[in-house]
Amino acid sequence: MANPLTIESIEQAALQLQPDARVQLTHFLVQSLASLPEAEFADLWLAEAERRDAEMDSGKVVGIPGEEVFHRIRARYNK
């Protein structure tokens, strides 16, 4: 019997793809979200924001100060 598909197994399989194929897959997935009703799309983003906020509150992830983010962007693109 085949293993059931899970987010984790799909992620691992996607990471085995060549970079150009991962770009194609990413484009396809992002485009597939465009067909969602706006309210559902907004709900998904709200859930993601709440998940990330909970990760920060729990200490699971540490935020990067805005000044540092902009410094890194400038350093990367002002070469």
N, C-alpha and C. Protein backbone atom coordinates (compact mmCIF):
# COMPACT_ATOMS: atom_id res chain seq x y z
N MET A 1 0.85 -1.18 0.00
CA MET A 1 0.00 0.00 0.00
C MET A 1 0.89 1.23 0.00
N ALA A 2 0.52 2.22 -0.79
CA ALA A 2 1.30 3.46 -0.91
C ALA A 2 1.13 4.32 0.34
N ASN A 3 2.17 5.09 0.64
CA ASN A 3 2.09 6.02 1.77
C ASN A 3 1.08 7.12 1.47
N PRO A 4 0.30 7.51 2.47
CA PRO A 4 -0.64 8.60 2.23
C PRO A 4 0.13 9.92 2.07
N LEU A 5 -0.42 10.80 1.24
CA LEU A 5 0.22 12.09 1.04
C LEU A 5 0.02 12.96 2.27
N THR A 6 1.09 13.56 2.70
CA THR A 6 1.04 14.52 3.79
C THR A 6 1.79 15.77 3.34
N ILE A 7 1.57 16.86 4.03
CA ILE A 7 2.31 18.09 3.71
C ILE A 7 3.81 17.80 3.77
N GLU A 8 4.23 17.10 4.80
CA GLU A 8 5.65 16.81 4.98
C GLU A 8 6.21 15.99 3.81
N SER A 9 5.46 14.97 3.37
CA SER A 9 5.96 14.14 2.28
C SER A 9 5.99 14.92 0.96
N ILE A 10 5.03 15.80 0.77
CA ILE A 10 5.00 16.63 -0.44
C ILE A 10 6.16 17.62 -0.40
N GLU A 11 6.40 18.23 0.78
CA GLU A 11 7.53 19.17 0.91
C GLU A 11 8.84 18.46 0.57
N GLN A 12 9.03 17.28 1.14
CA GLN A 12 10.27 16.54 0.90
C GLN A 12 10.42 16.19 -0.59
N ALA A 13 9.33 15.78 -1.21
CA ALA A 13 9.38 15.45 -2.64
C ALA A 13 9.69 16.70 -3.46
N ALA A 14 9.08 17.83 -3.11
CA ALA A 14 9.31 19.07 -3.85
C ALA A 14 10.76 19.51 -3.74
N LEU A 15 11.37 19.30 -2.59
CA LEU A 15 12.77 19.70 -2.41
C LEU A 15 13.73 18.84 -3.23
N GLN A 16 13.26 17.70 -3.71
CA GLN A 16 14.08 16.84 -4.56
C GLN A 16 14.07 17.31 -6.02
N LEU A 17 13.15 18.21 -6.36
CA LEU A 17 13.05 18.72 -7.72
C LEU A 17 14.20 19.66 -8.03
N GLN A 18 14.51 19.78 -9.31
CA GLN A 18 15.49 20.77 -9.75
C GLN A 18 14.94 22.17 -9.49
N PRO A 19 15.80 23.16 -9.30
CA PRO A 19 15.32 24.52 -9.00
C PRO A 19 14.29 25.05 -9.99
N ASP A 20 14.48 24.83 -11.28
CA ASP A 20 13.51 25.35 -12.25
C ASP A 20 12.14 24.69 -12.08
N ALA A 21 12.13 23.42 -11.73
CA ALA A 21 10.86 22.72 -11.49
C ALA A 21 10.21 23.23 -10.21
N ARG A 22 11.01 23.56 -9.19
CA ARG A 22 10.44 24.13 -7.96
C ARG A 22 9.84 25.49 -8.23
N VAL A 23 10.47 26.27 -9.10
CA VAL A 23 9.90 27.57 -9.47
C VAL A 23 8.56 27.36 -10.17
N GLN A 24 8.50 26.43 -11.09
CA GLN A 24 7.24 26.14 -11.79
C GLN A 24 6.16 25.70 -10.82
N LEU A 25 6.51 24.83 -9.89
CA LEU A 25 5.55 24.34 -8.91
C LEU A 25 5.07 25.49 -8.03
N THR A 26 5.99 26.33 -7.59
CA THR A 26 5.62 27.48 -6.75
C THR A 26 4.67 28.39 -7.49
N HIS A 27 4.98 28.68 -8.74
CA HIS A 27 4.09 29.54 -9.55
C HIS A 27 2.70 28.92 -9.66
N PHE A 28 2.64 27.63 -9.93
CA PHE A 28 1.35 26.95 -10.05
C PHE A 28 0.55 27.05 -8.76
N LEU A 29 1.22 26.80 -7.62
CA LEU A 29 0.52 26.82 -6.34
C LEU A 29 0.03 28.22 -5.99
N VAL A 30 0.86 29.22 -6.22
CA VAL A 30 0.44 30.61 -5.95
C VAL A 30 -0.73 30.98 -6.84
N GLN A 31 -0.66 30.64 -8.10
CA GLN A 31 -1.76 30.95 -9.03
C GLN A 31 -3.04 30.24 -8.61
N SER A 32 -2.92 29.04 -8.04
CA SER A 32 -4.12 28.31 -7.64
C SER A 32 -4.87 29.03 -6.52
N LEU A 33 -4.15 29.81 -5.73
CA LEU A 33 -4.80 30.57 -4.66
C LEU A 33 -5.60 31.75 -5.19
N ALA A 34 -5.26 32.22 -6.37
CA ALA A 34 -5.94 33.38 -6.95
C ALA A 34 -7.42 33.08 -7.23
N SER A 35 -7.76 31.82 -7.37
CA SER A 35 -9.14 31.47 -7.68
C SER A 35 -10.02 31.37 -6.43
N LEU A 36 -9.42 31.50 -5.25
CA LEU A 36 -10.21 31.42 -4.02
C LEU A 36 -11.05 32.68 -3.84
N PRO A 37 -12.21 32.55 -3.24
CA PRO A 37 -12.98 33.75 -2.90
C PRO A 37 -12.16 34.64 -1.97
N GLU A 38 -12.29 35.94 -2.11
CA GLU A 38 -11.47 36.87 -1.34
C GLU A 38 -11.59 36.65 0.16
N ALA A 39 -12.79 36.36 0.65
CA ALA A 39 -12.98 36.14 2.08
C ALA A 39 -12.18 34.92 2.55
N GLU A 40 -12.18 33.86 1.77
CA GLU A 40 -11.43 32.66 2.14
C GLU A 40 -9.93 32.95 2.12
N PHE A 41 -9.48 33.70 1.11
CA PHE A 41 -8.08 34.07 1.00
C PHE A 41 -7.65 34.90 2.21
N ALA A 42 -8.50 35.86 2.60
CA ALA A 42 -8.21 36.69 3.77
C ALA A 42 -8.16 35.84 5.04
N ASP A 43 -9.06 34.88 5.15
CA ASP A 43 -9.06 33.99 6.32
C ASP A 43 -7.77 33.17 6.40
N LEU A 44 -7.28 32.72 5.25
CA LEU A 44 -6.04 31.95 5.22
C LEU A 44 -4.86 32.80 5.69
N TRP A 45 -4.81 34.05 5.22
CA TRP A 45 -3.72 34.93 5.65
C TRP A 45 -3.83 35.27 7.13
N LEU A 46 -5.03 35.45 7.62
CA LEU A 46 -5.22 35.72 9.05
C LEU A 46 -4.74 34.53 9.88
N ALA A 47 -5.09 33.33 9.45
CA ALA A 47 -4.66 32.12 10.17
C ALA A 47 -3.13 32.02 10.17
N GLU A 48 -2.51 32.34 9.04
CA GLU A 48 -1.05 32.29 8.95
C GLU A 48 -0.42 33.33 9.86
N ALA A 49 -0.97 34.53 9.88
CA ALA A 49 -0.45 35.58 10.76
C ALA A 49 -0.58 35.17 12.22
N GLU A 50 -1.70 34.58 12.58
CA GLU A 50 -1.90 34.14 13.96
C GLU A 50 -0.93 33.00 14.32
N ARG A 51 -0.68 32.11 13.38
CA ARG A 51 0.27 31.02 13.61
C ARG A 51 1.67 31.58 13.85
N ARG A 52 2.08 32.53 13.02
CA ARG A 52 3.40 33.13 13.17
C ARG A 52 3.50 33.92 14.48
N ASP A 53 2.44 34.62 14.85
CA ASP A 53 2.43 35.37 16.10
C ASP A 53 2.58 34.42 17.29
N ALA A 54 1.89 33.29 17.23
CA ALA A 54 1.98 32.30 18.31
C ALA A 54 3.39 31.73 18.39
N GLU A 55 4.04 31.51 17.25
CA GLU A 55 5.42 31.02 17.25
C GLU A 55 6.35 32.02 17.93
N MET A 56 6.13 33.30 17.65
CA MET A 56 6.97 34.31 18.28
C MET A 56 6.68 34.41 19.78
N ASP A 57 5.41 34.37 20.16
CA ASP A 57 5.04 34.43 21.57
C ASP A 57 5.61 33.27 22.37
N SER A 58 5.67 32.10 21.75
CA SER A 58 6.16 30.90 22.43
C SER A 58 7.68 30.84 22.48
N GLY A 59 8.35 31.69 21.70
CA GLY A 59 9.80 31.67 21.64
C GLY A 59 10.35 30.67 20.64
N LYS A 60 9.45 30.01 19.90
CA LYS A 60 9.88 29.02 18.91
C LYS A 60 10.71 29.69 17.82
N VAL A 61 10.35 30.91 17.46
CA VAL A 61 11.12 31.70 16.49
C VAL A 61 11.39 33.07 17.11
N VAL A 62 12.46 33.67 16.62
CA VAL A 62 12.84 35.00 17.10
C VAL A 62 12.75 35.96 15.92
N GLY A 63 12.10 37.08 16.14
CA GLY A 63 11.96 38.06 15.09
C GLY A 63 13.27 38.78 14.81
N ILE A 64 13.33 39.40 13.66
CA ILE A 64 14.47 40.22 13.27
C ILE A 64 14.00 41.66 13.25
N PRO A 65 14.69 42.54 13.98
CA PRO A 65 14.27 43.94 13.99
C PRO A 65 14.22 44.52 12.57
N GLY A 66 13.27 45.39 12.34
CA GLY A 66 13.09 45.99 11.02
C GLY A 66 14.34 46.64 10.48
N GLU A 67 15.09 47.34 11.34
CA GLU A 67 16.32 47.99 10.90
C GLU A 67 17.30 46.97 10.33
N GLU A 68 17.39 45.80 10.96
CA GLU A 68 18.29 44.76 10.48
C GLU A 68 17.80 44.20 9.14
N VAL A 69 16.51 44.03 9.01
CA VAL A 69 15.95 43.53 7.74
C VAL A 69 16.31 44.48 6.61
N PHE A 70 16.08 45.77 6.81
CA PHE A 70 16.38 46.75 5.76
C PHE A 70 17.88 46.85 5.50
N HIS A 71 18.69 46.71 6.53
CA HIS A 71 20.15 46.71 6.35
C HIS A 71 20.56 45.55 5.44
N ARG A 72 19.99 44.37 5.69
CA ARG A 72 20.33 43.19 4.88
C ARG A 72 19.87 43.37 3.44
N ILE A 73 18.70 43.96 3.25
CA ILE A 73 18.20 44.19 1.88
C ILE A 73 19.13 45.15 1.15
N ARG A 74 19.49 46.26 1.82
CA ARG A 74 20.38 47.24 1.18
C ARG A 74 21.72 46.61 0.85
N ALA A 75 22.25 45.82 1.78
CA ALA A 75 23.54 45.17 1.55
C ALA A 75 23.48 44.22 0.36
N ARG A 76 22.38 43.54 0.24
CA ARG A 76 22.26 42.56 -0.85
C ARG A 76 22.11 43.23 -2.21
N TYR A 77 21.33 44.31 -2.28
CA TYR A 77 20.99 44.88 -3.58
C TYR A 77 21.75 46.14 -3.94
N ASN A 78 22.56 46.68 -3.06
CA ASN A 78 23.34 47.87 -3.37
C ASN A 78 24.78 47.52 -3.69
N LYS A 79 24.99 46.36 -4.23
CA LYS A 79 26.35 45.91 -4.60
C LYS A 79 26.81 46.59 -5.85
